[in-house]
Amino acid sequence: MGAAALALLLLGCPGDDGRAGDTEPGSSGGVGTAGTTAVDGSEGLDTEGPDTETPPPPDCDPGEVACGSLCADLLSDPSNCGQCGRTCVIPHASAACEAGECALAGCDPGYSDCDDDIASGCENPIDCQEGQTCSTVCGSEGTVDCSNVCAAAGEPVCTPPVETCNVMDDDCNDTCDEGPLLGCRIGVHRSNSPTLGHFYTTDLAEAQSGDLNLEAQDYFFLYNPGVEGLQPLFRCIKPNGKRWLTSSTDCEGTAAPELTVGFISTDDRCGATPLYRLLNAGPDAHFYTVSAPERDNAVSNLGFVDQGIAGYVWLGA
């Protein structure tokens, strides 16, 4: 037997089971199996592809609709106004959605809407911020009103506040703390008697008690407690039982006050008028008046001495 025939015999013939050279389809040889599998894709690969199932729509509240994966109110959502995906964009302004239509919610700082055209937005470079605080011509704190800013050549209007009890003319009508402002000012009645002399009280019944004769009801007005910038006016008792008025907390070093009549001003703010203080040393009696002619008469003819101004009071409630 020749050498070639011997080599062929040792290697084996094609098709022998388990042999290295076996290329028979369906054989258990490693190379063929891998090749076959790679070509026909019948083993080891997912032939169905990625999951493309559409997720269910969101569960929306009444009045809302599903816009993709979100719920939206098409009547009020500026990002989905009237229909899904319709976004309201307004020049120099913030947008709103009203009844399914784009609307102007407010102008950006430095701009105003003078033509009422939503397409142009806030087209005018006028800075007016509606509702901001401002200082009025009478010194009170008002709010900015932009309703007439376009007609007013770009100047916003500072609207005064309503009148409050604070010794100021809040509403800029040249009248201070006009009423009715319940509990703001209190009337002081003036009486006179042979034993007590002139007597001042906020109690009308007291002003007519004993031998007191009422000379003037609500002769002047003071403020009730709680108003800044004022000081108390006390009523004090003399050793002879007569009363007098002062802002001194210790009755000018003599005793504790009988009571606080009200609150008085140290100047003529809010239309206040001077309360003149006089003393008749003989009977040791004080007298207070808001009338300069009455003061002068008391000094000239009745033996009183002018002691200056006790403070400033008001002639109306």
C-alpha atoms as a PDB file:
ATOM      1  CA  MET A   1       0.000   0.000   0.000  1.00  0.00           C
ATOM      2  CA  GLY A   2       1.354   3.299  -1.001  1.00  0.00           C
ATOM      3  CA  ALA A   3       1.960   6.251   1.349  1.00  0.00           C
ATOM      4  CA  ALA A   4      -0.966   8.329   0.002  1.00  0.00           C
ATOM      5  CA  ALA A   5      -3.444   5.512   0.534  1.00  0.00           C
ATOM      6  CA  LEU A   6      -2.218   5.020   4.073  1.00  0.00           C
ATOM      7  CA  ALA A   7      -2.736   8.688   4.927  1.00  0.00           C
ATOM      8  CA  LEU A   8      -6.257   8.644   3.569  1.00  0.00           C
ATOM      9  CA  LEU A   9      -7.081   5.595   5.636  1.00  0.00           C
ATOM     10  CA  LEU A  10      -5.847   7.253   8.828  1.00  0.00           C
ATOM     11  CA  LEU A  11      -7.784  10.497   8.285  1.00  0.00           C
ATOM     12  CA  GLY A  12     -11.032   8.766   7.544  1.00  0.00           C
ATOM     13  CA  CYS A  13     -13.532   9.311   4.839  1.00  0.00           C
ATOM     14  CA  PRO A  14     -15.955  12.229   4.678  1.00  0.00           C
ATOM     15  CA  GLY A  15     -19.154  11.489   6.615  1.00  0.00           C
ATOM     16  CA  ASP A  16     -17.666   9.408   9.446  1.00  0.00           C
ATOM     17  CA  ASP A  17     -19.432  10.130  12.826  1.00  0.00           C
ATOM     18  CA  GLY A  18     -17.680  12.537  15.201  1.00  0.00           C
ATOM     19  CA  ARG A  19     -14.791  13.190  12.823  1.00  0.00           C
ATOM     20  CA  ALA A  20     -13.076  16.560  12.608  1.00  0.00           C
ATOM     21  CA  GLY A  21     -13.726  16.924   8.919  1.00  0.00           C
ATOM     22  CA  ASP A  22     -17.454  16.207   9.097  1.00  0.00           C
ATOM     23  CA  THR A  23     -19.424  18.879   7.154  1.00  0.00           C
ATOM     24  CA  GLU A  24     -22.630  16.931   6.747  1.00  0.00           C
ATOM     25  CA  PRO A  25     -25.711  19.156   7.342  1.00  0.00           C
ATOM     26  CA  GLY A  26     -27.250  18.420  10.711  1.00  0.00           C
ATOM     27  CA  SER A  27     -24.075  16.896  12.111  1.00  0.00           C
ATOM     28  CA  SER A  28     -22.966  17.694  15.658  1.00  0.00           C
ATOM     29  CA  GLY A  29     -19.736  19.354  14.620  1.00  0.00           C
ATOM     30  CA  GLY A  30     -19.114  22.716  16.391  1.00  0.00           C
ATOM     31  CA  VAL A  31     -18.202  24.842  13.340  1.00  0.00           C
ATOM     32  CA  GLY A  32     -21.171  23.814  11.249  1.00  0.00           C
ATOM     33  CA  THR A  33     -23.666  24.358  14.004  1.00  0.00           C
ATOM     34  CA  ALA A  34     -22.477  27.862  14.717  1.00  0.00           C
ATOM     35  CA  GLY A  35     -22.470  28.715  11.017  1.00  0.00           C
ATOM     36  CA  THR A  36     -25.874  27.294  10.405  1.00  0.00           C
ATOM     37  CA  THR A  37     -27.317  29.048  13.418  1.00  0.00           C
ATOM     38  CA  ALA A  38     -25.785  32.380  12.442  1.00  0.00           C
ATOM     39  CA  VAL A  39     -27.144  32.185   8.906  1.00  0.00           C
ATOM     40  CA  ASP A  40     -30.755  31.126   9.405  1.00  0.00           C
ATOM     41  CA  GLY A  41     -31.287  32.898  12.776  1.00  0.00           C
ATOM     42  CA  SER A  42     -33.393  30.010  14.001  1.00  0.00           C
ATOM     43  CA  GLU A  43     -31.649  29.733  17.343  1.00  0.00           C
ATOM     44  CA  GLY A  44     -30.559  32.302  19.998  1.00  0.00           C
ATOM     45  CA  LEU A  45     -32.046  35.493  18.393  1.00  0.00           C
ATOM     46  CA  ASP A  46     -35.326  37.411  19.124  1.00  0.00           C
ATOM     47  CA  THR A  47     -37.066  37.756  15.795  1.00  0.00           C
ATOM     48  CA  GLU A  48     -40.112  39.717  17.166  1.00  0.00           C
ATOM     49  CA  GLY A  49     -38.259  43.086  17.558  1.00  0.00           C
ATOM     50  CA  PRO A  50     -38.868  45.782  20.312  1.00  0.00           C
ATOM     51  CA  ASP A  51     -42.211  46.147  22.104  1.00  0.00           C
ATOM     52  CA  THR A  52     -44.108  48.906  20.236  1.00  0.00           C
ATOM     53  CA  GLU A  53     -47.407  48.700  22.143  1.00  0.00           C
ATOM     54  CA  THR A  54     -48.952  52.188  22.682  1.00  0.00           C
ATOM     55  CA  PRO A  55     -49.444  53.071  26.393  1.00  0.00           C
ATOM     56  CA  PRO A  56     -53.016  53.779  27.496  1.00  0.00           C
ATOM     57  CA  PRO A  57     -54.106  57.446  27.693  1.00  0.00           C
ATOM     58  CA  PRO A  58     -53.971  59.139  31.119  1.00  0.00           C
ATOM     59  CA  ASP A  59     -57.011  59.143  33.365  1.00  0.00           C
ATOM     60  CA  CYS A  60     -58.053  62.831  33.187  1.00  0.00           C
ATOM     61  CA  ASP A  61     -60.369  64.786  35.453  1.00  0.00           C
ATOM     62  CA  PRO A  62     -63.688  66.122  34.163  1.00  0.00           C
ATOM     63  CA  GLY A  63     -63.105  69.113  31.913  1.00  0.00           C
ATOM     64  CA  GLU A  64     -59.678  67.846  30.811  1.00  0.00           C
ATOM     65  CA  VAL A  65     -58.561  65.893  27.782  1.00  0.00           C
ATOM     66  CA  ALA A  66     -55.535  63.729  27.116  1.00  0.00           C
ATOM     67  CA  CYS A  67     -52.802  65.533  25.209  1.00  0.00           C
ATOM     68  CA  GLY A  68     -50.268  62.756  24.729  1.00  0.00           C
ATOM     69  CA  SER A  69     -49.333  61.468  28.150  1.00  0.00           C
ATOM     70  CA  LEU A  70     -50.622  64.582  29.971  1.00  0.00           C
ATOM     71  CA  CYS A  71     -54.039  65.934  30.864  1.00  0.00           C
ATOM     72  CA  ALA A  72     -54.942  69.498  29.878  1.00  0.00           C
ATOM     73  CA  ASP A  73     -57.872  71.879  30.152  1.00  0.00           C
ATOM     74  CA  LEU A  74     -58.196  73.253  26.645  1.00  0.00           C
ATOM     75  CA  LEU A  75     -60.169  76.228  27.947  1.00  0.00           C
ATOM     76  CA  SER A  76     -57.472  77.532  30.298  1.00  0.00           C
ATOM     77  CA  ASP A  77     -54.113  75.895  29.572  1.00  0.00           C
ATOM     78  CA  PRO A  78     -51.862  78.354  27.677  1.00  0.00           C
ATOM     79  CA  SER A  79     -49.744  75.408  26.475  1.00  0.00           C
ATOM     80  CA  ASN A  80     -52.795  73.636  25.051  1.00  0.00           C
ATOM     81  CA  CYS A  81     -55.217  76.453  24.338  1.00  0.00           C
ATOM     82  CA  GLY A  82     -58.247  75.356  22.336  1.00  0.00           C
ATOM     83  CA  GLN A  83     -56.480  72.242  21.136  1.00  0.00           C
ATOM     84  CA  CYS A  84     -53.619  70.023  22.167  1.00  0.00           C
ATOM     85  CA  GLY A  85     -50.216  71.516  21.438  1.00  0.00           C
ATOM     86  CA  ARG A  86     -51.426  75.042  20.706  1.00  0.00           C
ATOM     87  CA  THR A  87     -49.137  77.254  22.818  1.00  0.00           C
ATOM     88  CA  CYS A  88     -49.925  80.929  23.391  1.00  0.00           C
ATOM     89  CA  VAL A  89     -46.930  83.218  22.838  1.00  0.00           C
ATOM     90  CA  ILE A  90     -47.417  87.009  23.150  1.00  0.00           C
ATOM     91  CA  PRO A  91     -44.623  89.558  22.566  1.00  0.00           C
ATOM     92  CA  HIS A  92     -43.253  91.200  25.738  1.00  0.00           C
ATOM     93  CA  ALA A  93     -45.969  89.606  27.830  1.00  0.00           C
ATOM     94  CA  SER A  94     -47.047  86.565  29.772  1.00  0.00           C
ATOM     95  CA  ALA A  95     -49.848  84.622  28.135  1.00  0.00           C
ATOM     96  CA  ALA A  96     -53.097  83.185  29.400  1.00  0.00           C
ATOM     97  CA  CYS A  97     -55.816  81.024  27.892  1.00  0.00           C
ATOM     98  CA  GLU A  98     -59.392  82.172  28.336  1.00  0.00           C
ATOM     99  CA  ALA A  99     -62.284  80.086  27.021  1.00  0.00           C
ATOM    100  CA  GLY A 100     -59.917  78.364  24.623  1.00  0.00           C
ATOM    101  CA  GLU A 101     -58.467  81.573  23.177  1.00  0.00           C
ATOM    102  CA  CYS A 102     -55.065  83.102  23.830  1.00  0.00           C
ATOM    103  CA  ALA A 103     -55.156  86.183  26.059  1.00  0.00           C
ATOM    104  CA  LEU A 104     -52.711  88.648  27.593  1.00  0.00           C
ATOM    105  CA  ALA A 105     -52.064  87.915  31.270  1.00  0.00           C
ATOM    106  CA  GLY A 106     -49.646  90.761  31.947  1.00  0.00           C
ATOM    107  CA  CYS A 107     -46.941  92.871  30.370  1.00  0.00           C
ATOM    108  CA  ASP A 108     -43.252  92.285  30.946  1.00  0.00           C
ATOM    109  CA  PRO A 109     -41.465  94.950  33.033  1.00  0.00           C
ATOM    110  CA  GLY A 110     -40.882  98.051  30.937  1.00  0.00           C
ATOM    111  CA  TYR A 111     -43.733  97.461  28.462  1.00  0.00           C
ATOM    112  CA  SER A 112     -47.411  98.347  28.225  1.00  0.00           C
ATOM    113  CA  ASP A 113     -50.264  97.363  25.930  1.00  0.00           C
ATOM    114  CA  CYS A 114     -51.655 100.497  24.315  1.00  0.00           C
ATOM    115  CA  ASP A 115     -53.370  99.135  21.188  1.00  0.00           C
ATOM    116  CA  ASP A 116     -55.345  96.229  22.710  1.00  0.00           C
ATOM    117  CA  ASP A 117     -54.009  93.989  19.963  1.00  0.00           C
ATOM    118  CA  ILE A 118     -52.967  90.603  21.259  1.00  0.00           C
ATOM    119  CA  ALA A 119     -50.869  89.999  18.158  1.00  0.00           C
ATOM    120  CA  SER A 120     -48.558  92.895  19.018  1.00  0.00           C
ATOM    121  CA  GLY A 121     -48.660  92.104  22.724  1.00  0.00           C
ATOM    122  CA  CYS A 122     -47.198  94.780  24.984  1.00  0.00           C
ATOM    123  CA  GLU A 123     -45.797  96.875  22.176  1.00  0.00           C
ATOM    124  CA  ASN A 124     -45.171 100.149  23.983  1.00  0.00           C
ATOM    125  CA  PRO A 125     -41.964 100.525  26.033  1.00  0.00           C
ATOM    126  CA  ILE A 126     -43.744 102.229  28.975  1.00  0.00           C
ATOM    127  CA  ASP A 127     -43.003 100.875  32.438  1.00  0.00           C
ATOM    128  CA  CYS A 128     -46.224 100.640  34.442  1.00  0.00           C
ATOM    129  CA  GLN A 129     -46.737  97.818  36.922  1.00  0.00           C
ATOM    130  CA  GLU A 130     -50.395  97.605  37.868  1.00  0.00           C
ATOM    131  CA  GLY A 131     -51.059  97.362  41.607  1.00  0.00           C
ATOM    132  CA  GLN A 132     -47.591  98.291  42.819  1.00  0.00           C
ATOM    133  CA  THR A 133     -47.321 100.683  45.756  1.00  0.00           C
ATOM    134  CA  CYS A 134     -46.612 104.338  45.061  1.00  0.00           C
ATOM    135  CA  SER A 135     -46.496 107.664  46.888  1.00  0.00           C
ATOM    136  CA  THR A 136     -49.484 109.967  46.371  1.00  0.00           C
ATOM    137  CA  VAL A 137     -49.320 113.747  46.065  1.00  0.00           C
ATOM    138  CA  CYS A 138     -50.469 114.036  49.691  1.00  0.00           C
ATOM    139  CA  GLY A 139     -47.860 111.637  51.035  1.00  0.00           C
ATOM    140  CA  SER A 140     -49.983 108.548  51.579  1.00  0.00           C
ATOM    141  CA  GLU A 141     -49.241 105.125  50.105  1.00  0.00           C
ATOM    142  CA  GLY A 142     -51.340 104.405  47.023  1.00  0.00           C
ATOM    143  CA  THR A 143     -51.414 101.830  44.237  1.00  0.00           C
ATOM    144  CA  VAL A 144     -50.348 102.166  40.607  1.00  0.00           C
ATOM    145  CA  ASP A 145     -53.196 102.366  38.084  1.00  0.00           C
ATOM    146  CA  CYS A 146     -52.184 101.639  34.489  1.00  0.00           C
ATOM    147  CA  SER A 147     -55.634 101.978  32.931  1.00  0.00           C
ATOM    148  CA  ASN A 148     -54.861 105.401  31.412  1.00  0.00           C
ATOM    149  CA  VAL A 149     -51.108 105.108  31.043  1.00  0.00           C
ATOM    150  CA  CYS A 150     -51.202 105.236  27.232  1.00  0.00           C
ATOM    151  CA  ALA A 151     -53.351 108.377  27.122  1.00  0.00           C
ATOM    152  CA  ALA A 152     -51.298 109.989  29.878  1.00  0.00           C
ATOM    153  CA  ALA A 153     -48.098 110.113  27.832  1.00  0.00           C
ATOM    154  CA  GLY A 154     -46.656 107.163  29.666  1.00  0.00           C
ATOM    155  CA  GLU A 155     -47.225 108.453  33.187  1.00  0.00           C
ATOM    156  CA  PRO A 156     -48.954 105.963  35.501  1.00  0.00           C
ATOM    157  CA  VAL A 157     -51.553 107.214  37.971  1.00  0.00           C
ATOM    158  CA  CYS A 158     -51.055 106.738  41.723  1.00  0.00           C
ATOM    159  CA  THR A 159     -54.504 106.037  43.133  1.00  0.00           C
ATOM    160  CA  PRO A 160     -54.908 107.154  46.767  1.00  0.00           C
ATOM    161  CA  PRO A 161     -56.189 104.689  49.365  1.00  0.00           C
ATOM    162  CA  VAL A 162     -59.408 105.080  51.305  1.00  0.00           C
ATOM    163  CA  GLU A 163     -59.333 107.274  54.388  1.00  0.00           C
ATOM    164  CA  THR A 164     -58.210 105.636  57.630  1.00  0.00           C
ATOM    165  CA  CYS A 165     -57.759 106.897  61.198  1.00  0.00           C
ATOM    166  CA  ASN A 166     -54.085 107.875  61.202  1.00  0.00           C
ATOM    167  CA  VAL A 167     -53.863 111.718  61.373  1.00  0.00           C
ATOM    168  CA  MET A 168     -53.247 111.863  57.609  1.00  0.00           C
ATOM    169  CA  ASP A 169     -55.199 112.875  54.523  1.00  0.00           C
ATOM    170  CA  ASP A 170     -54.995 109.442  52.917  1.00  0.00           C
ATOM    171  CA  ASP A 171     -57.341 110.058  49.978  1.00  0.00           C
ATOM    172  CA  CYS A 172     -55.831 113.457  49.052  1.00  0.00           C
ATOM    173  CA  ASN A 173     -59.072 115.445  49.254  1.00  0.00           C
ATOM    174  CA  ASP A 174     -57.655 118.117  51.595  1.00  0.00           C
ATOM    175  CA  THR A 175     -59.685 116.742  54.500  1.00  0.00           C
ATOM    176  CA  CYS A 176     -58.008 114.651  57.166  1.00  0.00           C
ATOM    177  CA  ASP A 177     -59.605 111.562  58.687  1.00  0.00           C
ATOM    178  CA  GLU A 178     -63.075 112.587  57.563  1.00  0.00           C
ATOM    179  CA  GLY A 179     -65.747 110.222  58.701  1.00  0.00           C
ATOM    180  CA  PRO A 180     -67.555 108.448  59.591  1.00  0.00           C
ATOM    181  CA  LEU A 181     -64.510 106.588  60.939  1.00  0.00           C
ATOM    182  CA  LEU A 182     -65.940 104.690  63.868  1.00  0.00           C
ATOM    183  CA  GLY A 183     -63.896 105.099  67.039  1.00  0.00           C
ATOM    184  CA  CYS A 184     -61.370 107.491  65.517  1.00  0.00           C
ATOM    185  CA  ARG A 185     -61.926 110.763  67.408  1.00  0.00           C
ATOM    186  CA  ILE A 186     -63.800 111.449  70.609  1.00  0.00           C
ATOM    187  CA  GLY A 187     -65.613 114.646  71.578  1.00  0.00           C
ATOM    188  CA  VAL A 188     -64.667 116.610  74.698  1.00  0.00           C
ATOM    189  CA  HIS A 189     -67.501 118.532  76.376  1.00  0.00           C
ATOM    190  CA  ARG A 190     -66.948 121.796  78.254  1.00  0.00           C
ATOM    191  CA  SER A 191     -68.851 122.652  81.430  1.00  0.00           C
ATOM    192  CA  ASN A 192     -68.588 125.236  84.217  1.00  0.00           C
ATOM    193  CA  SER A 193     -69.684 125.351  87.839  1.00  0.00           C
ATOM    194  CA  PRO A 194     -69.363 127.682  90.850  1.00  0.00           C
ATOM    195  CA  THR A 195     -67.380 125.067  92.781  1.00  0.00           C
ATOM    196  CA  LEU A 196     -65.283 123.311  90.113  1.00  0.00           C
ATOM    197  CA  GLY A 197     -64.746 126.096  87.606  1.00  0.00           C
ATOM    198  CA  HIS A 198     -64.268 124.917  84.039  1.00  0.00           C
ATOM    199  CA  PHE A 199     -64.553 121.165  83.607  1.00  0.00           C
ATOM    200  CA  TYR A 200     -63.671 118.997  80.566  1.00  0.00           C
ATOM    201  CA  THR A 201     -64.864 115.436  79.987  1.00  0.00           C
ATOM    202  CA  THR A 202     -65.755 112.980  77.216  1.00  0.00           C
ATOM    203  CA  ASP A 203     -68.702 111.742  79.296  1.00  0.00           C
ATOM    204  CA  LEU A 204     -71.775 113.809  78.504  1.00  0.00           C
ATOM    205  CA  ALA A 205     -73.536 112.630  81.662  1.00  0.00           C
ATOM    206  CA  GLU A 206     -70.580 113.708  83.783  1.00  0.00           C
ATOM    207  CA  ALA A 207     -70.533 117.076  82.022  1.00  0.00           C
ATOM    208  CA  GLN A 208     -74.061 117.704  83.339  1.00  0.00           C
ATOM    209  CA  SER A 209     -73.732 116.188  86.792  1.00  0.00           C
ATOM    210  CA  GLY A 210     -73.842 118.038  90.121  1.00  0.00           C
ATOM    211  CA  ASP A 211     -73.700 121.793  89.727  1.00  0.00           C
ATOM    212  CA  LEU A 212     -71.972 121.566  86.317  1.00  0.00           C
ATOM    213  CA  ASN A 213     -73.589 123.530  83.524  1.00  0.00           C
ATOM    214  CA  LEU A 214     -72.887 122.283  79.996  1.00  0.00           C
ATOM    215  CA  GLU A 215     -71.380 125.123  77.957  1.00  0.00           C
ATOM    216  CA  ALA A 216     -70.484 123.222  74.789  1.00  0.00           C
ATOM    217  CA  GLN A 217     -71.061 119.638  73.714  1.00  0.00           C
ATOM    218  CA  ASP A 218     -68.176 118.262  71.613  1.00  0.00           C
ATOM    219  CA  TYR A 219     -66.282 121.491  72.208  1.00  0.00           C
ATOM    220  CA  PHE A 220     -63.194 119.936  70.646  1.00  0.00           C
ATOM    221  CA  PHE A 221     -62.068 116.463  69.612  1.00  0.00           C
ATOM    222  CA  LEU A 222     -59.178 114.218  70.577  1.00  0.00           C
ATOM    223  CA  TYR A 223     -58.086 110.884  69.150  1.00  0.00           C
ATOM    224  CA  ASN A 224     -58.749 107.556  70.772  1.00  0.00           C
ATOM    225  CA  PRO A 225     -55.749 105.324  71.609  1.00  0.00           C
ATOM    226  CA  GLY A 226     -53.756 103.560  68.896  1.00  0.00           C
ATOM    227  CA  VAL A 227     -52.781 106.409  66.556  1.00  0.00           C
ATOM    228  CA  GLU A 228     -49.055 106.988  66.071  1.00  0.00           C
ATOM    229  CA  GLY A 229     -47.501 110.422  66.544  1.00  0.00           C
ATOM    230  CA  LEU A 230     -49.856 111.685  69.258  1.00  0.00           C
ATOM    231  CA  GLN A 231     -49.457 112.021  73.009  1.00  0.00           C
ATOM    232  CA  PRO A 232     -51.950 111.520  75.841  1.00  0.00           C
ATOM    233  CA  LEU A 233     -53.818 114.408  77.432  1.00  0.00           C
ATOM    234  CA  PHE A 234     -54.405 113.715  81.122  1.00  0.00           C
ATOM    235  CA  ARG A 235     -56.906 115.200  83.548  1.00  0.00           C
ATOM    236  CA  CYS A 236     -55.469 115.996  86.963  1.00  0.00           C
ATOM    237  CA  ILE A 237     -57.081 117.011  90.284  1.00  0.00           C
ATOM    238  CA  LYS A 238     -55.964 119.999  92.337  1.00  0.00           C
ATOM    239  CA  PRO A 239     -56.097 119.952  96.151  1.00  0.00           C
ATOM    240  CA  ASN A 240     -59.190 122.179  95.892  1.00  0.00           C
ATOM    241  CA  GLY A 241     -60.956 119.561  93.743  1.00  0.00           C
ATOM    242  CA  LYS A 242     -60.728 121.517  90.499  1.00  0.00           C
ATOM    243  CA  ARG A 243     -59.483 119.791  87.340  1.00  0.00           C
ATOM    244  CA  TRP A 244     -56.843 120.758  84.822  1.00  0.00           C
ATOM    245  CA  LEU A 245     -55.345 119.243  81.668  1.00  0.00           C
ATOM    246  CA  THR A 246     -51.743 118.385  80.843  1.00  0.00           C
ATOM    247  CA  SER A 247     -49.607 115.945  78.842  1.00  0.00           C
ATOM    248  CA  SER A 248     -47.379 115.339  81.860  1.00  0.00           C
ATOM    249  CA  THR A 249     -47.554 111.767  83.112  1.00  0.00           C
ATOM    250  CA  ASP A 250     -47.194 112.931  86.726  1.00  0.00           C
ATOM    251  CA  CYS A 251     -49.359 116.062  86.495  1.00  0.00           C
ATOM    252  CA  GLU A 252     -46.229 118.202  86.317  1.00  0.00           C
ATOM    253  CA  GLY A 253     -44.774 116.684  89.449  1.00  0.00           C
ATOM    254  CA  THR A 254     -47.863 116.948  91.644  1.00  0.00           C
ATOM    255  CA  ALA A 255     -49.673 113.587  91.474  1.00  0.00           C
ATOM    256  CA  ALA A 256     -50.817 110.767  89.234  1.00  0.00           C
ATOM    257  CA  PRO A 257     -53.419 111.703  86.600  1.00  0.00           C
ATOM    258  CA  GLU A 258     -57.076 111.129  87.330  1.00  0.00           C
ATOM    259  CA  LEU A 259     -57.641 109.765  83.809  1.00  0.00           C
ATOM    260  CA  THR A 260     -56.619 110.026  80.163  1.00  0.00           C
ATOM    261  CA  VAL A 261     -59.031 112.267  78.290  1.00  0.00           C
ATOM    262  CA  GLY A 262     -57.698 111.367  74.825  1.00  0.00           C
ATOM    263  CA  PHE A 263     -54.722 111.907  72.544  1.00  0.00           C
ATOM    264  CA  ILE A 264     -53.509 115.333  71.446  1.00  0.00           C
ATOM    265  CA  SER A 265     -51.030 116.557  68.826  1.00  0.00           C
ATOM    266  CA  THR A 266     -47.890 118.605  69.355  1.00  0.00           C
ATOM    267  CA  ASP A 267     -48.435 120.447  66.067  1.00  0.00           C
ATOM    268  CA  ASP A 268     -51.216 121.474  63.700  1.00  0.00           C
ATOM    269  CA  ARG A 269     -51.200 118.297  61.635  1.00  0.00           C
ATOM    270  CA  CYS A 270     -54.427 117.200  60.045  1.00  0.00           C
ATOM    271  CA  GLY A 271     -56.008 120.635  60.494  1.00  0.00           C
ATOM    272  CA  ALA A 272     -55.545 120.759  64.268  1.00  0.00           C
ATOM    273  CA  THR A 273     -56.083 124.027  66.135  1.00  0.00           C
ATOM    274  CA  PRO A 274     -54.330 125.266  69.303  1.00  0.00           C
ATOM    275  CA  LEU A 275     -55.838 124.546  72.701  1.00  0.00           C
ATOM    276  CA  TYR A 276     -54.920 127.582  74.798  1.00  0.00           C
ATOM    277  CA  ARG A 277     -54.194 127.078  78.496  1.00  0.00           C
ATOM    278  CA  LEU A 278     -54.890 129.822  81.052  1.00  0.00           C
ATOM    279  CA  LEU A 279     -54.706 130.036  84.857  1.00  0.00           C
ATOM    280  CA  ASN A 280     -56.484 132.272  87.335  1.00  0.00           C
ATOM    281  CA  ALA A 281     -54.204 132.168  90.367  1.00  0.00           C
ATOM    282  CA  GLY A 282     -56.766 133.589  92.791  1.00  0.00           C
ATOM    283  CA  PRO A 283     -59.225 130.693  92.782  1.00  0.00           C
ATOM    284  CA  ASP A 284     -56.482 128.389  91.387  1.00  0.00           C
ATOM    285  CA  ALA A 285     -58.607 127.541  88.362  1.00  0.00           C
ATOM    286  CA  HIS A 286     -57.473 126.531  84.881  1.00  0.00           C
ATOM    287  CA  PHE A 287     -59.340 127.411  81.714  1.00  0.00           C
ATOM    288  CA  TYR A 288     -58.887 125.944  78.211  1.00  0.00           C
ATOM    289  CA  THR A 289     -60.210 127.412  74.971  1.00  0.00           C
ATOM    290  CA  VAL A 290     -59.774 126.975  71.223  1.00  0.00           C
ATOM    291  CA  SER A 291     -60.695 130.635  70.627  1.00  0.00           C
ATOM    292  CA  ALA A 292     -57.930 133.235  70.520  1.00  0.00           C
ATOM    293  CA  PRO A 293     -60.423 136.105  71.132  1.00  0.00           C
ATOM    294  CA  GLU A 294     -61.827 134.260  74.173  1.00  0.00           C
ATOM    295  CA  ARG A 295     -58.284 133.740  75.435  1.00  0.00           C
ATOM    296  CA  ASP A 296     -57.484 137.425  75.024  1.00  0.00           C
ATOM    297  CA  ASN A 297     -60.669 138.465  76.824  1.00  0.00           C
ATOM    298  CA  ALA A 298     -59.927 136.133  79.728  1.00  0.00           C
ATOM    299  CA  VAL A 299     -56.463 137.648  80.070  1.00  0.00           C
ATOM    300  CA  SER A 300     -57.628 141.253  79.713  1.00  0.00           C
ATOM    301  CA  ASN A 301     -60.800 141.177  81.795  1.00  0.00           C
ATOM    302  CA  LEU A 302     -61.112 138.023  83.900  1.00  0.00           C
ATOM    303  CA  GLY A 303     -57.790 137.777  85.708  1.00  0.00           C
ATOM    304  CA  PHE A 304     -56.360 134.834  83.783  1.00  0.00           C
ATOM    305  CA  VAL A 305     -52.716 134.396  82.780  1.00  0.00           C
ATOM    306  CA  ASP A 306     -51.861 132.944  79.390  1.00  0.00           C
ATOM    307  CA  GLN A 307     -49.816 129.744  79.931  1.00  0.00           C
ATOM    308  CA  GLY A 308     -49.324 128.993  76.255  1.00  0.00           C
ATOM    309  CA  ILE A 309     -50.629 126.068  74.237  1.00  0.00           C
ATOM    310  CA  ALA A 310     -51.507 122.747  75.852  1.00  0.00           C
ATOM    311  CA  GLY A 311     -51.433 121.064  72.459  1.00  0.00           C
ATOM    312  CA  TYR A 312     -53.422 120.895  69.245  1.00  0.00           C
ATOM    313  CA  VAL A 313     -56.952 119.536  69.001  1.00  0.00           C
ATOM    314  CA  TRP A 314     -59.573 119.117  66.276  1.00  0.00           C
ATOM    315  CA  LEU A 315     -62.905 120.834  65.813  1.00  0.00           C
ATOM    316  CA  GLY A 316     -64.685 118.001  64.009  1.00  0.00           C
ATOM    317  CA  ALA A 317     -65.148 114.263  64.397  1.00  0.00           C
END
